[in-house]
Every structure is written in C-alpha cells, then in structure tokens.
N, C-alpha and C. Protein backbone atom coordinates (compact mmCIF):
# COMPACT_ATOMS: atom_id res chain seq x y z
N UNK A 1 -5.63 6.28 -17.79
CA UNK A 1 -6.03 5.07 -17.09
C UNK A 1 -7.45 4.71 -17.54
N UNK A 2 -7.65 3.49 -17.82
CA UNK A 2 -8.92 2.97 -18.29
C UNK A 2 -9.98 3.09 -17.20
N UNK A 3 -11.07 3.79 -17.49
CA UNK A 3 -12.14 4.01 -16.51
C UNK A 3 -12.76 2.69 -16.06
N UNK A 4 -12.87 1.75 -16.98
CA UNK A 4 -13.43 0.44 -16.63
C UNK A 4 -12.55 -0.27 -15.60
N UNK A 5 -11.25 -0.16 -15.77
CA UNK A 5 -10.31 -0.80 -14.85
C UNK A 5 -10.37 -0.16 -13.46
N UNK A 6 -10.48 1.16 -13.42
CA UNK A 6 -10.59 1.87 -12.14
C UNK A 6 -11.90 1.50 -11.45
N UNK A 7 -12.98 1.44 -12.22
CA UNK A 7 -14.27 1.06 -11.65
C UNK A 7 -14.20 -0.35 -11.07
N UNK A 8 -13.56 -1.27 -11.78
CA UNK A 8 -13.41 -2.63 -11.29
C UNK A 8 -12.59 -2.65 -10.00
N UNK A 9 -11.52 -1.87 -9.95
CA UNK A 9 -10.70 -1.78 -8.74
C UNK A 9 -11.53 -1.27 -7.56
N UNK A 10 -12.28 -0.21 -7.78
CA UNK A 10 -13.10 0.34 -6.70
C UNK A 10 -14.20 -0.63 -6.29
N UNK A 11 -14.76 -1.36 -7.25
CA UNK A 11 -15.76 -2.38 -6.93
C UNK A 11 -15.15 -3.45 -6.04
N UNK A 12 -13.94 -3.90 -6.39
CA UNK A 12 -13.26 -4.91 -5.60
C UNK A 12 -13.03 -4.41 -4.18
N UNK A 13 -12.56 -3.19 -4.06
CA UNK A 13 -12.29 -2.62 -2.74
C UNK A 13 -13.59 -2.56 -1.93
N UNK A 14 -14.69 -2.15 -2.58
CA UNK A 14 -15.98 -2.10 -1.91
C UNK A 14 -16.43 -3.50 -1.49
N UNK A 15 -16.22 -4.48 -2.36
CA UNK A 15 -16.61 -5.85 -2.05
C UNK A 15 -15.86 -6.37 -0.83
N UNK A 16 -14.60 -6.00 -0.69
CA UNK A 16 -13.85 -6.41 0.49
C UNK A 16 -14.47 -5.85 1.76
N UNK A 17 -15.02 -4.64 1.66
CA UNK A 17 -15.69 -4.01 2.79
C UNK A 17 -16.83 -4.86 3.32
N UNK A 18 -17.50 -5.56 2.42
CA UNK A 18 -18.68 -6.33 2.80
C UNK A 18 -18.34 -7.65 3.49
N UNK A 19 -17.08 -8.00 3.51
CA UNK A 19 -16.69 -9.29 4.08
C UNK A 19 -16.72 -9.31 5.61
N UNK A 20 -16.78 -8.16 6.23
CA UNK A 20 -16.97 -8.10 7.67
C UNK A 20 -15.75 -8.42 8.49
N UNK A 21 -15.89 -9.36 9.44
CA UNK A 21 -14.90 -9.61 10.47
C UNK A 21 -13.51 -9.90 9.93
N UNK A 22 -13.41 -10.61 8.83
CA UNK A 22 -12.09 -10.95 8.31
C UNK A 22 -11.60 -9.95 7.27
N UNK A 23 -12.13 -8.76 7.29
CA UNK A 23 -11.79 -7.80 6.24
C UNK A 23 -10.33 -7.38 6.25
N UNK A 24 -9.63 -7.63 7.34
CA UNK A 24 -8.21 -7.26 7.38
C UNK A 24 -7.29 -8.44 7.09
N UNK A 25 -7.86 -9.58 6.82
CA UNK A 25 -7.06 -10.75 6.47
C UNK A 25 -6.67 -10.68 4.99
N UNK A 26 -5.54 -11.25 4.68
CA UNK A 26 -5.11 -11.33 3.29
C UNK A 26 -6.01 -12.33 2.57
N UNK A 27 -6.52 -11.97 1.40
CA UNK A 27 -7.35 -12.92 0.66
C UNK A 27 -6.59 -14.23 0.42
N UNK A 28 -7.31 -15.33 0.53
CA UNK A 28 -6.70 -16.66 0.42
C UNK A 28 -6.18 -16.97 -0.97
N UNK A 29 -6.81 -16.40 -1.99
CA UNK A 29 -6.38 -16.64 -3.37
C UNK A 29 -6.28 -15.31 -4.11
N UNK A 30 -5.70 -15.35 -5.29
CA UNK A 30 -5.57 -14.15 -6.12
C UNK A 30 -6.82 -13.87 -6.95
N UNK A 31 -7.77 -14.78 -6.92
CA UNK A 31 -8.97 -14.65 -7.75
C UNK A 31 -9.67 -13.32 -7.51
N UNK A 32 -9.89 -12.59 -8.59
CA UNK A 32 -10.61 -11.32 -8.59
C UNK A 32 -9.91 -10.18 -7.85
N UNK A 33 -8.64 -10.34 -7.54
CA UNK A 33 -7.91 -9.26 -6.87
C UNK A 33 -7.41 -8.26 -7.91
N UNK A 34 -7.30 -7.00 -7.52
CA UNK A 34 -6.80 -6.00 -8.47
C UNK A 34 -5.30 -6.16 -8.71
N UNK A 35 -4.86 -5.65 -9.82
CA UNK A 35 -3.44 -5.65 -10.13
C UNK A 35 -2.91 -7.01 -10.52
N UNK A 36 -1.59 -7.07 -10.57
CA UNK A 36 -0.89 -8.30 -10.93
C UNK A 36 0.27 -8.49 -9.98
N UNK A 37 0.85 -9.67 -10.05
CA UNK A 37 2.07 -9.92 -9.29
C UNK A 37 1.82 -10.52 -7.92
N UNK A 38 2.88 -10.53 -7.12
CA UNK A 38 2.85 -11.27 -5.86
C UNK A 38 2.07 -10.58 -4.74
N UNK A 39 1.49 -11.44 -3.92
CA UNK A 39 0.92 -11.05 -2.63
C UNK A 39 1.53 -12.04 -1.65
N UNK A 40 2.19 -11.54 -0.66
CA UNK A 40 2.84 -12.45 0.29
C UNK A 40 1.81 -13.09 1.21
N UNK A 41 1.99 -14.39 1.42
CA UNK A 41 1.08 -15.13 2.29
C UNK A 41 1.83 -15.97 3.32
N UNK A 42 3.05 -15.56 3.63
CA UNK A 42 3.80 -16.23 4.69
C UNK A 42 3.08 -15.97 6.01
N UNK A 43 3.17 -16.91 6.94
CA UNK A 43 2.46 -16.79 8.23
C UNK A 43 2.84 -15.49 8.95
N UNK A 44 4.14 -15.17 9.01
CA UNK A 44 4.56 -13.95 9.71
C UNK A 44 3.95 -12.71 9.08
N UNK A 45 3.86 -12.73 7.74
CA UNK A 45 3.33 -11.56 7.04
C UNK A 45 1.82 -11.44 7.25
N UNK A 46 1.11 -12.55 7.18
CA UNK A 46 -0.34 -12.51 7.40
C UNK A 46 -0.66 -11.95 8.78
N UNK A 47 0.10 -12.37 9.78
CA UNK A 47 -0.11 -11.88 11.15
C UNK A 47 0.17 -10.39 11.26
N UNK A 48 1.28 -9.95 10.68
CA UNK A 48 1.64 -8.53 10.73
C UNK A 48 0.62 -7.69 9.98
N UNK A 49 0.24 -8.12 8.79
CA UNK A 49 -0.74 -7.42 7.94
C UNK A 49 -2.03 -7.19 8.73
N UNK A 50 -2.55 -8.25 9.33
CA UNK A 50 -3.82 -8.14 10.05
C UNK A 50 -3.67 -7.28 11.31
N UNK A 51 -2.57 -7.44 12.03
CA UNK A 51 -2.34 -6.65 13.25
C UNK A 51 -2.25 -5.16 12.93
N UNK A 52 -1.44 -4.81 11.95
CA UNK A 52 -1.27 -3.40 11.58
C UNK A 52 -2.60 -2.80 11.13
N UNK A 53 -3.28 -3.49 10.25
CA UNK A 53 -4.50 -2.95 9.66
C UNK A 53 -5.63 -2.85 10.68
N UNK A 54 -5.70 -3.80 11.59
CA UNK A 54 -6.71 -3.74 12.65
C UNK A 54 -6.46 -2.53 13.54
N UNK A 55 -5.20 -2.29 13.87
CA UNK A 55 -4.84 -1.12 14.68
C UNK A 55 -5.15 0.18 13.96
N UNK A 56 -4.83 0.25 12.69
CA UNK A 56 -5.09 1.47 11.93
C UNK A 56 -6.58 1.76 11.81
N UNK A 57 -7.39 0.72 11.74
CA UNK A 57 -8.84 0.92 11.63
C UNK A 57 -9.38 1.68 12.84
N UNK A 58 -8.73 1.53 13.97
CA UNK A 58 -9.14 2.23 15.19
C UNK A 58 -8.68 3.69 15.20
N UNK A 59 -7.81 4.07 14.28
CA UNK A 59 -7.24 5.41 14.24
C UNK A 59 -7.78 6.26 13.09
N UNK A 60 -8.74 5.77 12.35
CA UNK A 60 -9.21 6.48 11.16
C UNK A 60 -9.66 7.90 11.50
N UNK A 61 -10.41 8.05 12.56
CA UNK A 61 -10.92 9.38 12.92
C UNK A 61 -9.77 10.34 13.27
N UNK A 62 -8.84 9.89 14.08
CA UNK A 62 -7.74 10.77 14.50
C UNK A 62 -6.74 11.04 13.38
N UNK A 63 -6.67 10.17 12.38
CA UNK A 63 -5.71 10.34 11.29
C UNK A 63 -6.30 11.06 10.07
N UNK A 64 -7.52 11.57 10.18
CA UNK A 64 -8.13 12.31 9.07
C UNK A 64 -7.24 13.48 8.66
N UNK A 65 -7.06 13.64 7.36
CA UNK A 65 -6.30 14.77 6.83
C UNK A 65 -4.80 14.68 7.03
N UNK A 66 -4.31 13.51 7.37
CA UNK A 66 -2.86 13.34 7.59
C UNK A 66 -2.11 13.26 6.27
N UNK A 67 -0.82 13.51 6.35
CA UNK A 67 0.10 13.19 5.27
C UNK A 67 0.41 11.71 5.45
N UNK A 68 0.04 10.88 4.49
CA UNK A 68 0.16 9.43 4.63
C UNK A 68 1.42 8.94 3.93
N UNK A 69 2.19 8.14 4.65
CA UNK A 69 3.35 7.46 4.09
C UNK A 69 2.94 6.00 3.89
N UNK A 70 3.03 5.53 2.66
CA UNK A 70 2.51 4.23 2.27
C UNK A 70 3.64 3.38 1.72
N UNK A 71 3.82 2.18 2.28
CA UNK A 71 4.89 1.35 1.76
C UNK A 71 5.10 0.05 2.51
N UNK A 72 6.36 -0.35 2.59
CA UNK A 72 6.75 -1.63 3.16
C UNK A 72 7.59 -1.41 4.42
N UNK A 73 8.58 -2.27 4.67
CA UNK A 73 9.38 -2.18 5.90
C UNK A 73 10.19 -0.89 5.98
N UNK A 74 10.56 -0.35 4.85
CA UNK A 74 11.34 0.89 4.86
C UNK A 74 10.48 2.00 5.48
N UNK A 75 9.22 2.03 5.11
CA UNK A 75 8.29 3.01 5.67
C UNK A 75 7.93 2.65 7.11
N UNK A 76 7.57 1.40 7.34
CA UNK A 76 7.20 0.96 8.69
C UNK A 76 8.30 1.27 9.69
N UNK A 77 9.54 1.10 9.26
CA UNK A 77 10.68 1.28 10.15
C UNK A 77 10.85 2.68 10.72
N UNK A 78 10.22 3.66 10.12
CA UNK A 78 10.30 5.02 10.63
C UNK A 78 9.45 5.22 11.88
N UNK A 79 8.55 4.28 12.15
CA UNK A 79 7.70 4.39 13.33
C UNK A 79 6.50 5.29 13.10
N UNK A 80 5.62 5.31 14.08
CA UNK A 80 4.36 6.04 13.93
C UNK A 80 4.53 7.54 13.79
N UNK A 81 5.51 8.12 14.47
CA UNK A 81 5.66 9.58 14.40
C UNK A 81 6.89 10.00 13.61
N UNK A 82 7.48 9.08 12.89
CA UNK A 82 8.64 9.35 12.04
C UNK A 82 9.77 10.01 12.82
N UNK A 83 9.91 9.54 14.06
CA UNK A 83 10.99 9.99 14.95
C UNK A 83 11.02 11.51 15.10
N UNK A 84 9.85 12.12 14.99
CA UNK A 84 9.74 13.56 15.19
C UNK A 84 10.25 14.42 14.05
N UNK A 85 10.52 13.84 12.90
CA UNK A 85 11.07 14.60 11.77
C UNK A 85 10.07 15.51 11.07
N UNK A 86 8.79 15.37 11.37
CA UNK A 86 7.78 16.19 10.71
C UNK A 86 6.98 16.98 11.74
N UNK A 87 7.67 17.73 12.57
CA UNK A 87 7.02 18.51 13.62
C UNK A 87 5.98 19.46 13.01
N UNK A 88 4.81 19.47 13.62
CA UNK A 88 3.74 20.34 13.15
C UNK A 88 2.94 19.79 11.98
N UNK A 89 3.29 18.59 11.52
CA UNK A 89 2.58 17.97 10.41
C UNK A 89 1.93 16.69 10.92
N UNK A 90 0.64 16.56 10.69
CA UNK A 90 -0.05 15.31 11.06
C UNK A 90 0.36 14.25 10.05
N UNK A 91 0.95 13.16 10.54
CA UNK A 91 1.41 12.08 9.66
C UNK A 91 0.75 10.76 10.07
N UNK A 92 0.60 9.89 9.09
CA UNK A 92 0.09 8.54 9.33
C UNK A 92 0.99 7.57 8.58
N UNK A 93 1.63 6.68 9.32
CA UNK A 93 2.52 5.69 8.72
C UNK A 93 1.70 4.46 8.36
N UNK A 94 1.63 4.16 7.08
CA UNK A 94 0.90 3.00 6.60
C UNK A 94 1.84 2.03 5.88
N UNK A 95 3.00 1.82 6.48
CA UNK A 95 3.96 0.86 5.96
C UNK A 95 3.79 -0.48 6.64
N UNK A 96 3.85 -1.55 5.86
CA UNK A 96 3.80 -2.91 6.40
C UNK A 96 5.01 -3.66 5.85
N UNK A 97 5.85 -4.10 6.75
CA UNK A 97 7.04 -4.85 6.37
C UNK A 97 6.67 -6.04 5.49
N UNK A 98 7.34 -6.15 4.36
CA UNK A 98 7.11 -7.27 3.46
C UNK A 98 6.04 -7.04 2.41
N UNK A 99 5.37 -5.90 2.45
CA UNK A 99 4.26 -5.68 1.52
C UNK A 99 4.75 -5.47 0.09
N UNK A 100 3.82 -5.65 -0.83
CA UNK A 100 4.07 -5.50 -2.26
C UNK A 100 3.10 -4.47 -2.83
N UNK A 101 3.33 -4.08 -4.08
CA UNK A 101 2.43 -3.12 -4.71
C UNK A 101 1.01 -3.67 -4.81
N UNK A 102 0.89 -4.95 -5.05
CA UNK A 102 -0.45 -5.54 -5.13
C UNK A 102 -1.11 -5.56 -3.75
N UNK A 103 -0.34 -5.80 -2.72
CA UNK A 103 -0.87 -5.73 -1.36
C UNK A 103 -1.39 -4.34 -1.04
N UNK A 104 -0.66 -3.32 -1.48
CA UNK A 104 -1.11 -1.94 -1.26
C UNK A 104 -2.43 -1.70 -1.98
N UNK A 105 -2.57 -2.22 -3.19
CA UNK A 105 -3.84 -2.06 -3.92
C UNK A 105 -5.01 -2.62 -3.12
N UNK A 106 -4.80 -3.75 -2.50
CA UNK A 106 -5.87 -4.40 -1.74
C UNK A 106 -6.28 -3.57 -0.54
N UNK A 107 -5.33 -2.93 0.11
CA UNK A 107 -5.63 -2.22 1.36
C UNK A 107 -5.77 -0.70 1.20
N UNK A 108 -5.73 -0.22 0.00
CA UNK A 108 -5.72 1.22 -0.25
C UNK A 108 -6.94 1.95 0.32
N UNK A 109 -8.12 1.41 0.13
CA UNK A 109 -9.32 2.12 0.58
C UNK A 109 -9.35 2.30 2.09
N UNK A 110 -9.20 1.21 2.83
CA UNK A 110 -9.31 1.29 4.29
C UNK A 110 -8.12 1.99 4.92
N UNK A 111 -6.92 1.74 4.41
CA UNK A 111 -5.72 2.24 5.07
C UNK A 111 -5.33 3.65 4.66
N UNK A 112 -5.77 4.10 3.49
CA UNK A 112 -5.34 5.41 3.00
C UNK A 112 -6.53 6.30 2.64
N UNK A 113 -7.34 5.86 1.70
CA UNK A 113 -8.42 6.72 1.22
C UNK A 113 -9.40 7.10 2.33
N UNK A 114 -9.61 6.21 3.28
CA UNK A 114 -10.53 6.50 4.38
C UNK A 114 -10.04 7.65 5.26
N UNK A 115 -8.77 8.00 5.14
CA UNK A 115 -8.20 9.10 5.94
C UNK A 115 -8.36 10.46 5.26
N UNK A 116 -8.84 10.47 4.02
CA UNK A 116 -8.90 11.73 3.26
C UNK A 116 -7.58 12.48 3.42
N UNK A 117 -6.50 11.84 2.98
CA UNK A 117 -5.17 12.39 3.25
C UNK A 117 -4.92 13.74 2.58
N UNK A 118 -4.07 14.50 3.23
CA UNK A 118 -3.64 15.80 2.69
C UNK A 118 -2.65 15.56 1.55
N UNK A 119 -1.94 14.45 1.61
CA UNK A 119 -0.97 14.05 0.60
C UNK A 119 -0.55 12.62 0.87
N UNK A 120 0.07 11.98 -0.11
CA UNK A 120 0.53 10.60 0.05
C UNK A 120 1.94 10.47 -0.50
N UNK A 121 2.80 9.85 0.30
CA UNK A 121 4.17 9.54 -0.11
C UNK A 121 4.25 8.02 -0.24
N UNK A 122 4.64 7.53 -1.41
CA UNK A 122 4.65 6.10 -1.69
C UNK A 122 6.09 5.61 -1.89
N UNK A 123 6.45 4.58 -1.15
CA UNK A 123 7.73 3.89 -1.34
C UNK A 123 7.45 2.40 -1.24
N UNK A 124 7.36 1.75 -2.38
CA UNK A 124 6.97 0.33 -2.43
C UNK A 124 7.56 -0.28 -3.70
N UNK A 125 7.82 -1.57 -3.67
CA UNK A 125 8.25 -2.26 -4.88
C UNK A 125 9.41 -3.22 -4.69
N UNK A 126 10.22 -3.01 -3.66
CA UNK A 126 11.39 -3.86 -3.50
C UNK A 126 11.01 -5.31 -3.20
N UNK A 127 9.93 -5.51 -2.45
CA UNK A 127 9.50 -6.88 -2.16
C UNK A 127 8.90 -7.56 -3.40
N UNK A 128 8.31 -6.76 -4.28
CA UNK A 128 7.83 -7.31 -5.55
C UNK A 128 9.00 -7.93 -6.31
N UNK A 129 10.12 -7.19 -6.34
CA UNK A 129 11.30 -7.70 -7.05
C UNK A 129 11.80 -9.00 -6.42
N UNK A 130 11.81 -9.03 -5.09
CA UNK A 130 12.26 -10.24 -4.42
C UNK A 130 11.37 -11.43 -4.76
N UNK A 131 10.09 -11.16 -4.98
CA UNK A 131 9.14 -12.22 -5.34
C UNK A 131 9.06 -12.43 -6.85
N UNK A 132 10.03 -11.85 -7.57
CA UNK A 132 10.20 -12.06 -9.01
C UNK A 132 9.16 -11.38 -9.90
N UNK A 133 8.56 -10.31 -9.43
CA UNK A 133 7.68 -9.51 -10.29
C UNK A 133 8.56 -8.71 -11.25
N UNK A 134 8.06 -8.49 -12.44
CA UNK A 134 8.81 -7.70 -13.41
C UNK A 134 8.60 -6.21 -13.13
N UNK A 135 9.52 -5.37 -13.60
CA UNK A 135 9.32 -3.93 -13.45
C UNK A 135 8.00 -3.46 -14.07
N UNK A 136 7.58 -4.10 -15.15
CA UNK A 136 6.33 -3.72 -15.81
C UNK A 136 5.12 -4.01 -14.92
N UNK A 137 5.15 -5.12 -14.21
CA UNK A 137 4.05 -5.46 -13.29
C UNK A 137 4.01 -4.45 -12.14
N UNK A 138 5.17 -4.13 -11.60
CA UNK A 138 5.25 -3.16 -10.50
C UNK A 138 4.72 -1.81 -10.97
N UNK A 139 5.17 -1.36 -12.13
CA UNK A 139 4.72 -0.07 -12.67
C UNK A 139 3.21 -0.08 -12.92
N UNK A 140 2.68 -1.18 -13.41
CA UNK A 140 1.24 -1.28 -13.64
C UNK A 140 0.45 -1.13 -12.35
N UNK A 141 0.91 -1.78 -11.29
CA UNK A 141 0.24 -1.66 -10.00
C UNK A 141 0.35 -0.24 -9.45
N UNK A 142 1.52 0.37 -9.61
CA UNK A 142 1.68 1.75 -9.15
C UNK A 142 0.75 2.70 -9.90
N UNK A 143 0.56 2.46 -11.18
CA UNK A 143 -0.38 3.28 -11.96
C UNK A 143 -1.79 3.15 -11.41
N UNK A 144 -2.18 1.93 -11.04
CA UNK A 144 -3.51 1.73 -10.46
C UNK A 144 -3.65 2.42 -9.10
N UNK A 145 -2.60 2.36 -8.30
CA UNK A 145 -2.61 3.02 -6.99
C UNK A 145 -2.77 4.53 -7.18
N UNK A 146 -1.97 5.09 -8.06
CA UNK A 146 -2.01 6.54 -8.29
C UNK A 146 -3.35 6.95 -8.89
N UNK A 147 -3.89 6.16 -9.80
CA UNK A 147 -5.20 6.48 -10.39
C UNK A 147 -6.28 6.50 -9.32
N UNK A 148 -6.26 5.53 -8.40
CA UNK A 148 -7.27 5.50 -7.33
C UNK A 148 -7.10 6.70 -6.40
N UNK A 149 -5.86 7.08 -6.10
CA UNK A 149 -5.62 8.26 -5.26
C UNK A 149 -6.14 9.52 -5.95
N UNK A 150 -5.86 9.65 -7.24
CA UNK A 150 -6.31 10.83 -7.99
C UNK A 150 -7.83 10.86 -8.12
N UNK A 151 -8.42 9.69 -8.28
CA UNK A 151 -9.88 9.64 -8.37
C UNK A 151 -10.51 10.09 -7.05
N UNK A 152 -9.86 9.75 -5.95
CA UNK A 152 -10.34 10.15 -4.63
C UNK A 152 -10.23 11.67 -4.44
N UNK A 153 -9.08 12.22 -4.86
CA UNK A 153 -8.85 13.67 -4.72
C UNK A 153 -7.82 14.08 -5.77
N UNK A 154 -8.30 14.63 -6.85
CA UNK A 154 -7.44 14.98 -7.98
C UNK A 154 -6.38 16.02 -7.63
N UNK A 155 -6.61 16.82 -6.59
CA UNK A 155 -5.66 17.88 -6.23
C UNK A 155 -4.66 17.45 -5.15
N UNK A 156 -4.82 16.25 -4.63
CA UNK A 156 -3.95 15.78 -3.56
C UNK A 156 -2.53 15.52 -4.08
N UNK A 157 -1.52 16.08 -3.41
CA UNK A 157 -0.14 15.80 -3.83
C UNK A 157 0.22 14.33 -3.58
N UNK A 158 0.90 13.75 -4.55
CA UNK A 158 1.37 12.37 -4.46
C UNK A 158 2.86 12.37 -4.78
N UNK A 159 3.65 11.81 -3.88
CA UNK A 159 5.09 11.70 -4.10
C UNK A 159 5.40 10.21 -4.26
N UNK A 160 5.94 9.85 -5.40
CA UNK A 160 6.33 8.47 -5.67
C UNK A 160 7.85 8.39 -5.59
N UNK A 161 8.34 7.66 -4.59
CA UNK A 161 9.78 7.53 -4.38
C UNK A 161 10.34 6.38 -5.21
N UNK A 162 11.60 6.49 -5.58
CA UNK A 162 12.28 5.40 -6.28
C UNK A 162 12.43 4.21 -5.34
N UNK A 163 12.37 3.02 -5.91
CA UNK A 163 12.62 1.81 -5.13
C UNK A 163 14.10 1.79 -4.75
N UNK A 164 14.37 1.51 -3.49
CA UNK A 164 15.74 1.49 -3.00
C UNK A 164 16.51 0.29 -3.55
N UNK A 165 17.79 0.48 -3.83
CA UNK A 165 18.62 -0.67 -4.21
C UNK A 165 18.77 -1.61 -3.01
N UNK A 166 19.09 -2.84 -3.29
CA UNK A 166 19.22 -3.83 -2.23
C UNK A 166 20.41 -4.74 -2.53
N UNK A 167 20.74 -5.56 -1.58
CA UNK A 167 21.88 -6.46 -1.76
C UNK A 167 21.52 -7.59 -2.72
N UNK A 168 22.54 -8.14 -3.34
CA UNK A 168 22.34 -9.24 -4.29
C UNK A 168 21.74 -10.46 -3.60
N UNK A 169 22.00 -10.63 -2.32
CA UNK A 169 21.48 -11.79 -1.60
C UNK A 169 19.97 -11.72 -1.38
N UNK A 170 19.39 -10.55 -1.56
CA UNK A 170 17.95 -10.38 -1.36
C UNK A 170 17.15 -10.60 -2.64
N UNK A 171 17.79 -11.01 -3.71
CA UNK A 171 17.12 -11.25 -4.99
C UNK A 171 16.36 -10.02 -5.48
N UNK A 172 16.97 -8.86 -5.30
CA UNK A 172 16.38 -7.61 -5.78
C UNK A 172 17.41 -6.94 -6.69
N UNK A 173 17.50 -7.39 -7.91
CA UNK A 173 18.57 -6.91 -8.79
C UNK A 173 18.47 -5.42 -9.10
N UNK A 174 19.60 -4.75 -8.97
CA UNK A 174 19.66 -3.31 -9.20
C UNK A 174 19.23 -2.93 -10.61
N UNK A 175 19.48 -3.79 -11.59
CA UNK A 175 19.10 -3.46 -12.96
C UNK A 175 17.59 -3.51 -13.17
N UNK A 176 16.85 -4.02 -12.21
CA UNK A 176 15.39 -4.05 -12.29
C UNK A 176 14.75 -2.82 -11.65
N UNK A 177 15.55 -2.06 -10.92
CA UNK A 177 15.02 -0.90 -10.19
C UNK A 177 14.97 0.31 -11.09
C-alpha cells in the first residue's frame, strides 16, 4: 500500500475530526474524500448514519478493546449483542444499513480505530454493487480499510468476509461478487 495514500487517508480522517458538531453527518460532496465509488446520500440513510454514529460516540470508552463487526445491514441486523452468540467476548456492532465501502472509509477512525479493537470482522460491499461500483473499486476501498487497520495495530486480527449473494432484483449481480 502506498504510504502517501495512507497518509492522505489519515489526514482526511483527522480533518473530519476538526469539523465539530456536524462530524457525524455524511459529507455533502465527494470532494477530497478517501477511496472511490458510491456514498449513499438518501434522506433515510443520512438520518440513520448520523443517529448510529452519534450513539456510538457515546460508547467509545465502554467499547474499548472490543471485537468490532464492521459493515452494512447484514451486520447491523445482528443487533448490539449479536443475540448472545459471543458470550464472554466484548463485541461492538458497527454496521449501518445501506453503507458502502467508501462510507466505511469515512467513518473508520471514529467508529472503529477509536475503540482500539482486539480484532475486526468486515462484511461490506453489497450496497456498492447495487450502486454500480465495480469489483475493482470495492477491492480498492477494502485495501485502504485494511491498510488503515494494520497501520493502527499491525498485530490485530482482521477477518474479511465474502460479499453475500443477493437477488437479481437488487441489482447486485452474482458474477460481480
């Protein structure tokens, strides 16, 4: 991974920190954002994004050292405690329904890195396909996410899950997965 690109990503994440009160809002434009591809800006998504992230900001202290699950609706749907499937393991669900790989890049510092996670499980990408991102764009964003996680803690385990297949009506072609 290009060190200049990682530095630029971290600079962008730091710059978002300086924005203050609206730091959990989705940026209005793609200008100077890390990665490539879609960022959803539908009203329902903007509201959910801000609500989830504002709530998580209040839990940073209690979620320190958690195993973080990062993704979209598939992850969010498991709920905060993953229905008790990880007894004895501190977990933090950082899934936002409708999110994309580029959206994850934008929120990585506050939602994940700030927790100093014990490990990260990533399941993201199906919404990118629905928004017509190419597999190459998705893979590029995932590489940036993984590079930032490794830069934060090179020994931290990272599990990257395959993107789930979806129905043809969702514009997520199986041959793109």
